[in-house]
Amino acid sequence: MKRYILYWTILIICTLSGCAKGGYESYNPPSYEFDGAPRLVISGQVQNELNAALEGIHVAVYGVRAENEKDVSGYNFALTDTAGEYTIIRYRGREMPSSITVVATDLNDVYSAQDEDFEVRYDSVGNGFVTADFVLKAQ
């Protein structure tokens, strides 16, 4: 009985939201213009010494995190995609740091971890932007 209720609930939601009519085609990717609280956007690419993109590298941001803050994917860490690219978007909070520390770690231990301080650039409404690219060396 519960399965039928779940089935009909999903069917009704899809019908009302337009997903059954292909409403997903009108999806627009998010832009970096935010409403509300200012954000801190950290993005970049991770490569090896041969300029090959590295997939699955753990990239984390420090210097703006609370000591006991839990790891949340996309908020204070990300894994690189097949192009070696990543993006982390978090609320900036009240502080406006001039730099932050970003760490790139290979979870497979093929490449040495690298940490570096990067400059934060601010737009007119207080959003901070960091470009943090890494070139990792084999161990």
C-alpha atoms as a PDB file:
ATOM      1  CA  MET A   1       0.000   0.000   0.000  1.00  0.00           C
ATOM      2  CA  LYS A   2       2.826   2.405   0.885  1.00  0.00           C
ATOM      3  CA  ARG A   3       4.413   1.758  -2.522  1.00  0.00           C
ATOM      4  CA  TYR A   4       1.241   2.829  -4.328  1.00  0.00           C
ATOM      5  CA  ILE A   5       0.973   6.007  -2.261  1.00  0.00           C
ATOM      6  CA  LEU A   6       4.606   6.851  -3.070  1.00  0.00           C
ATOM      7  CA  TYR A   7       4.018   6.105  -6.775  1.00  0.00           C
ATOM      8  CA  TRP A   8       0.958   8.364  -6.999  1.00  0.00           C
ATOM      9  CA  THR A   9       2.670  11.110  -5.002  1.00  0.00           C
ATOM     10  CA  ILE A  10       5.640  11.148  -7.385  1.00  0.00           C
ATOM     11  CA  LEU A  11       3.327  11.049 -10.419  1.00  0.00           C
ATOM     12  CA  ILE A  12       1.305  14.019  -9.140  1.00  0.00           C
ATOM     13  CA  ILE A  13       4.437  16.039  -8.297  1.00  0.00           C
ATOM     14  CA  CYS A  14       5.929  15.363 -11.742  1.00  0.00           C
ATOM     15  CA  THR A  15       2.691  16.298 -13.456  1.00  0.00           C
ATOM     16  CA  LEU A  16       2.357  19.558 -11.522  1.00  0.00           C
ATOM     17  CA  SER A  17       6.027  20.539 -11.809  1.00  0.00           C
ATOM     18  CA  GLY A  18       6.235  19.874 -15.524  1.00  0.00           C
ATOM     19  CA  CYS A  19       8.962  17.222 -15.421  1.00  0.00           C
ATOM     20  CA  ALA A  20       6.705  14.860 -17.346  1.00  0.00           C
ATOM     21  CA  LYS A  21       6.416  17.519 -20.079  1.00  0.00           C
ATOM     22  CA  GLY A  22      10.152  17.981 -20.451  1.00  0.00           C
ATOM     23  CA  GLY A  23      10.374  20.959 -18.083  1.00  0.00           C
ATOM     24  CA  TYR A  24      13.995  20.076 -17.424  1.00  0.00           C
ATOM     25  CA  GLU A  25      14.941  21.535 -20.828  1.00  0.00           C
ATOM     26  CA  SER A  26      14.400  25.067 -19.509  1.00  0.00           C
ATOM     27  CA  TYR A  27      17.120  24.629 -16.887  1.00  0.00           C
ATOM     28  CA  ASN A  28      19.593  27.510 -16.785  1.00  0.00           C
ATOM     29  CA  PRO A  29      22.979  26.926 -15.163  1.00  0.00           C
ATOM     30  CA  PRO A  30      23.627  29.049 -12.076  1.00  0.00           C
ATOM     31  CA  SER A  31      25.533  32.287 -12.501  1.00  0.00           C
ATOM     32  CA  TYR A  32      27.932  33.842 -10.054  1.00  0.00           C
ATOM     33  CA  GLU A  33      25.585  36.724  -9.274  1.00  0.00           C
ATOM     34  CA  PHE A  34      24.083  35.896  -5.900  1.00  0.00           C
ATOM     35  CA  ASP A  35      21.138  37.297  -4.015  1.00  0.00           C
ATOM     36  CA  GLY A  36      21.359  37.463  -0.237  1.00  0.00           C
ATOM     37  CA  ALA A  37      24.442  36.775   1.842  1.00  0.00           C
ATOM     38  CA  PRO A  38      27.815  37.236   0.126  1.00  0.00           C
ATOM     39  CA  ARG A  39      29.555  34.113  -1.141  1.00  0.00           C
ATOM     40  CA  LEU A  40      33.119  32.947  -1.437  1.00  0.00           C
ATOM     41  CA  VAL A  41      33.737  31.140  -4.735  1.00  0.00           C
ATOM     42  CA  ILE A  42      36.914  29.080  -5.075  1.00  0.00           C
ATOM     43  CA  SER A  43      37.560  27.448  -8.434  1.00  0.00           C
ATOM     44  CA  GLY A  44      40.458  26.166 -10.428  1.00  0.00           C
ATOM     45  CA  GLN A  45      42.147  23.277 -12.138  1.00  0.00           C
ATOM     46  CA  VAL A  46      44.551  20.580 -10.966  1.00  0.00           C
ATOM     47  CA  GLN A  47      47.135  19.146 -13.355  1.00  0.00           C
ATOM     48  CA  ASN A  48      50.274  17.049 -13.153  1.00  0.00           C
ATOM     49  CA  GLU A  49      53.737  18.130 -14.328  1.00  0.00           C
ATOM     50  CA  LEU A  50      52.908  17.002 -17.877  1.00  0.00           C
ATOM     51  CA  ASN A  51      49.893  19.387 -17.963  1.00  0.00           C
ATOM     52  CA  ALA A  52      47.449  16.463 -17.843  1.00  0.00           C
ATOM     53  CA  ALA A  53      44.227  17.091 -15.916  1.00  0.00           C
ATOM     54  CA  LEU A  54      43.908  15.115 -12.691  1.00  0.00           C
ATOM     55  CA  GLU A  55      40.512  13.666 -11.822  1.00  0.00           C
ATOM     56  CA  GLY A  56      39.421  12.854  -8.258  1.00  0.00           C
ATOM     57  CA  ILE A  57      41.786  15.217  -6.457  1.00  0.00           C
ATOM     58  CA  HIS A  58      40.397  16.403  -3.100  1.00  0.00           C
ATOM     59  CA  VAL A  59      40.573  20.216  -2.922  1.00  0.00           C
ATOM     60  CA  ALA A  60      39.689  21.860   0.400  1.00  0.00           C
ATOM     61  CA  VAL A  61      39.553  25.437   1.655  1.00  0.00           C
ATOM     62  CA  TYR A  62      40.965  26.516   5.022  1.00  0.00           C
ATOM     63  CA  GLY A  63      41.299  29.845   6.780  1.00  0.00           C
ATOM     64  CA  VAL A  64      37.559  30.560   6.610  1.00  0.00           C
ATOM     65  CA  ARG A  65      36.293  27.371   8.251  1.00  0.00           C
ATOM     66  CA  ALA A  66      35.339  26.974  11.863  1.00  0.00           C
ATOM     67  CA  GLU A  67      37.579  24.480  13.685  1.00  0.00           C
ATOM     68  CA  ASN A  68      34.810  21.936  14.152  1.00  0.00           C
ATOM     69  CA  GLU A  69      33.085  22.542  10.784  1.00  0.00           C
ATOM     70  CA  LYS A  70      32.114  19.295   9.077  1.00  0.00           C
ATOM     71  CA  ASP A  71      33.262  18.528   5.543  1.00  0.00           C
ATOM     72  CA  VAL A  72      30.498  19.258   3.049  1.00  0.00           C
ATOM     73  CA  SER A  73      31.086  18.564  -0.637  1.00  0.00           C
ATOM     74  CA  GLY A  74      30.877  21.729  -2.731  1.00  0.00           C
ATOM     75  CA  TYR A  75      30.862  23.924   0.378  1.00  0.00           C
ATOM     76  CA  ASN A  76      34.333  23.491   1.893  1.00  0.00           C
ATOM     77  CA  PHE A  77      35.799  20.824  -0.371  1.00  0.00           C
ATOM     78  CA  ALA A  78      35.357  19.403  -3.870  1.00  0.00           C
ATOM     79  CA  LEU A  79      36.720  16.613  -6.027  1.00  0.00           C
ATOM     80  CA  THR A  80      38.108  17.483  -9.440  1.00  0.00           C
ATOM     81  CA  ASP A  81      36.185  16.311 -12.504  1.00  0.00           C
ATOM     82  CA  THR A  82      37.593  14.647 -15.628  1.00  0.00           C
ATOM     83  CA  ALA A  83      38.963  18.009 -16.808  1.00  0.00           C
ATOM     84  CA  GLY A  84      40.722  18.484 -13.453  1.00  0.00           C
ATOM     85  CA  GLU A  85      38.370  21.358 -12.575  1.00  0.00           C
ATOM     86  CA  TYR A  86      36.505  22.054  -9.349  1.00  0.00           C
ATOM     87  CA  THR A  87      34.335  24.724  -7.738  1.00  0.00           C
ATOM     88  CA  ILE A  88      33.606  25.379  -4.068  1.00  0.00           C
ATOM     89  CA  ILE A  89      30.893  27.905  -3.147  1.00  0.00           C
ATOM     90  CA  ARG A  90      30.325  28.850   0.478  1.00  0.00           C
ATOM     91  CA  TYR A  91      28.862  31.740   2.437  1.00  0.00           C
ATOM     92  CA  ARG A  92      31.586  34.270   3.078  1.00  0.00           C
ATOM     93  CA  GLY A  93      30.406  35.216   6.552  1.00  0.00           C
ATOM     94  CA  ARG A  94      31.301  38.537   8.137  1.00  0.00           C
ATOM     95  CA  GLU A  95      35.028  38.443   7.591  1.00  0.00           C
ATOM     96  CA  MET A  96      36.603  39.641   4.372  1.00  0.00           C
ATOM     97  CA  PRO A  97      39.918  37.775   4.244  1.00  0.00           C
ATOM     98  CA  SER A  98      42.546  39.024   1.822  1.00  0.00           C
ATOM     99  CA  SER A  99      43.752  35.459   1.268  1.00  0.00           C
ATOM    100  CA  ILE A 100      42.734  31.884   2.017  1.00  0.00           C
ATOM    101  CA  THR A 101      44.551  28.559   2.114  1.00  0.00           C
ATOM    102  CA  VAL A 102      43.551  25.908  -0.383  1.00  0.00           C
ATOM    103  CA  VAL A 103      44.891  22.337  -0.220  1.00  0.00           C
ATOM    104  CA  ALA A 104      44.958  19.802  -3.068  1.00  0.00           C
ATOM    105  CA  THR A 105      45.381  16.181  -1.963  1.00  0.00           C
ATOM    106  CA  ASP A 106      45.544  13.032  -4.089  1.00  0.00           C
ATOM    107  CA  LEU A 107      43.539  10.433  -2.166  1.00  0.00           C
ATOM    108  CA  ASN A 108      45.366   7.669  -4.099  1.00  0.00           C
ATOM    109  CA  ASP A 109      48.809   8.913  -2.936  1.00  0.00           C
ATOM    110  CA  VAL A 110      50.244   9.077  -6.467  1.00  0.00           C
ATOM    111  CA  TYR A 111      50.891  12.829  -6.198  1.00  0.00           C
ATOM    112  CA  SER A 112      52.206  14.857  -3.286  1.00  0.00           C
ATOM    113  CA  ALA A 113      49.718  17.126  -1.527  1.00  0.00           C
ATOM    114  CA  GLN A 114      50.096  20.842  -2.074  1.00  0.00           C
ATOM    115  CA  ASP A 115      48.779  23.768  -0.029  1.00  0.00           C
ATOM    116  CA  GLU A 116      48.985  27.392  -1.012  1.00  0.00           C
ATOM    117  CA  ASP A 117      47.615  30.786  -0.007  1.00  0.00           C
ATOM    118  CA  PHE A 118      45.569  32.527  -2.686  1.00  0.00           C
ATOM    119  CA  GLU A 119      44.375  36.116  -2.958  1.00  0.00           C
ATOM    120  CA  VAL A 120      40.644  36.817  -2.607  1.00  0.00           C
ATOM    121  CA  ARG A 121      39.176  39.372  -5.042  1.00  0.00           C
ATOM    122  CA  TYR A 122      35.856  41.024  -4.144  1.00  0.00           C
ATOM    123  CA  ASP A 123      33.086  42.318  -6.381  1.00  0.00           C
ATOM    124  CA  SER A 124      30.995  45.415  -5.664  1.00  0.00           C
ATOM    125  CA  VAL A 125      28.500  43.551  -3.447  1.00  0.00           C
ATOM    126  CA  GLY A 126      31.064  41.675  -1.337  1.00  0.00           C
ATOM    127  CA  ASN A 127      31.274  38.293  -3.071  1.00  0.00           C
ATOM    128  CA  GLY A 128      34.812  36.927  -2.909  1.00  0.00           C
ATOM    129  CA  PHE A 129      36.461  35.055  -5.783  1.00  0.00           C
ATOM    130  CA  VAL A 130      39.579  32.886  -5.726  1.00  0.00           C
ATOM    131  CA  THR A 131      41.268  31.148  -8.632  1.00  0.00           C
ATOM    132  CA  ALA A 132      43.355  28.318  -7.182  1.00  0.00           C
ATOM    133  CA  ASP A 133      45.185  26.226  -9.783  1.00  0.00           C
ATOM    134  CA  PHE A 134      47.604  23.470  -8.819  1.00  0.00           C
ATOM    135  CA  VAL A 135      50.336  21.475 -10.525  1.00  0.00           C
ATOM    136  CA  LEU A 136      50.937  18.318  -8.494  1.00  0.00           C
ATOM    137  CA  LYS A 137      54.199  16.372  -8.574  1.00  0.00           C
ATOM    138  CA  ALA A 138      54.402  12.587  -8.514  1.00  0.00           C
ATOM    139  CA  GLN A 139      55.735  11.162  -5.246  1.00  0.00           C
END
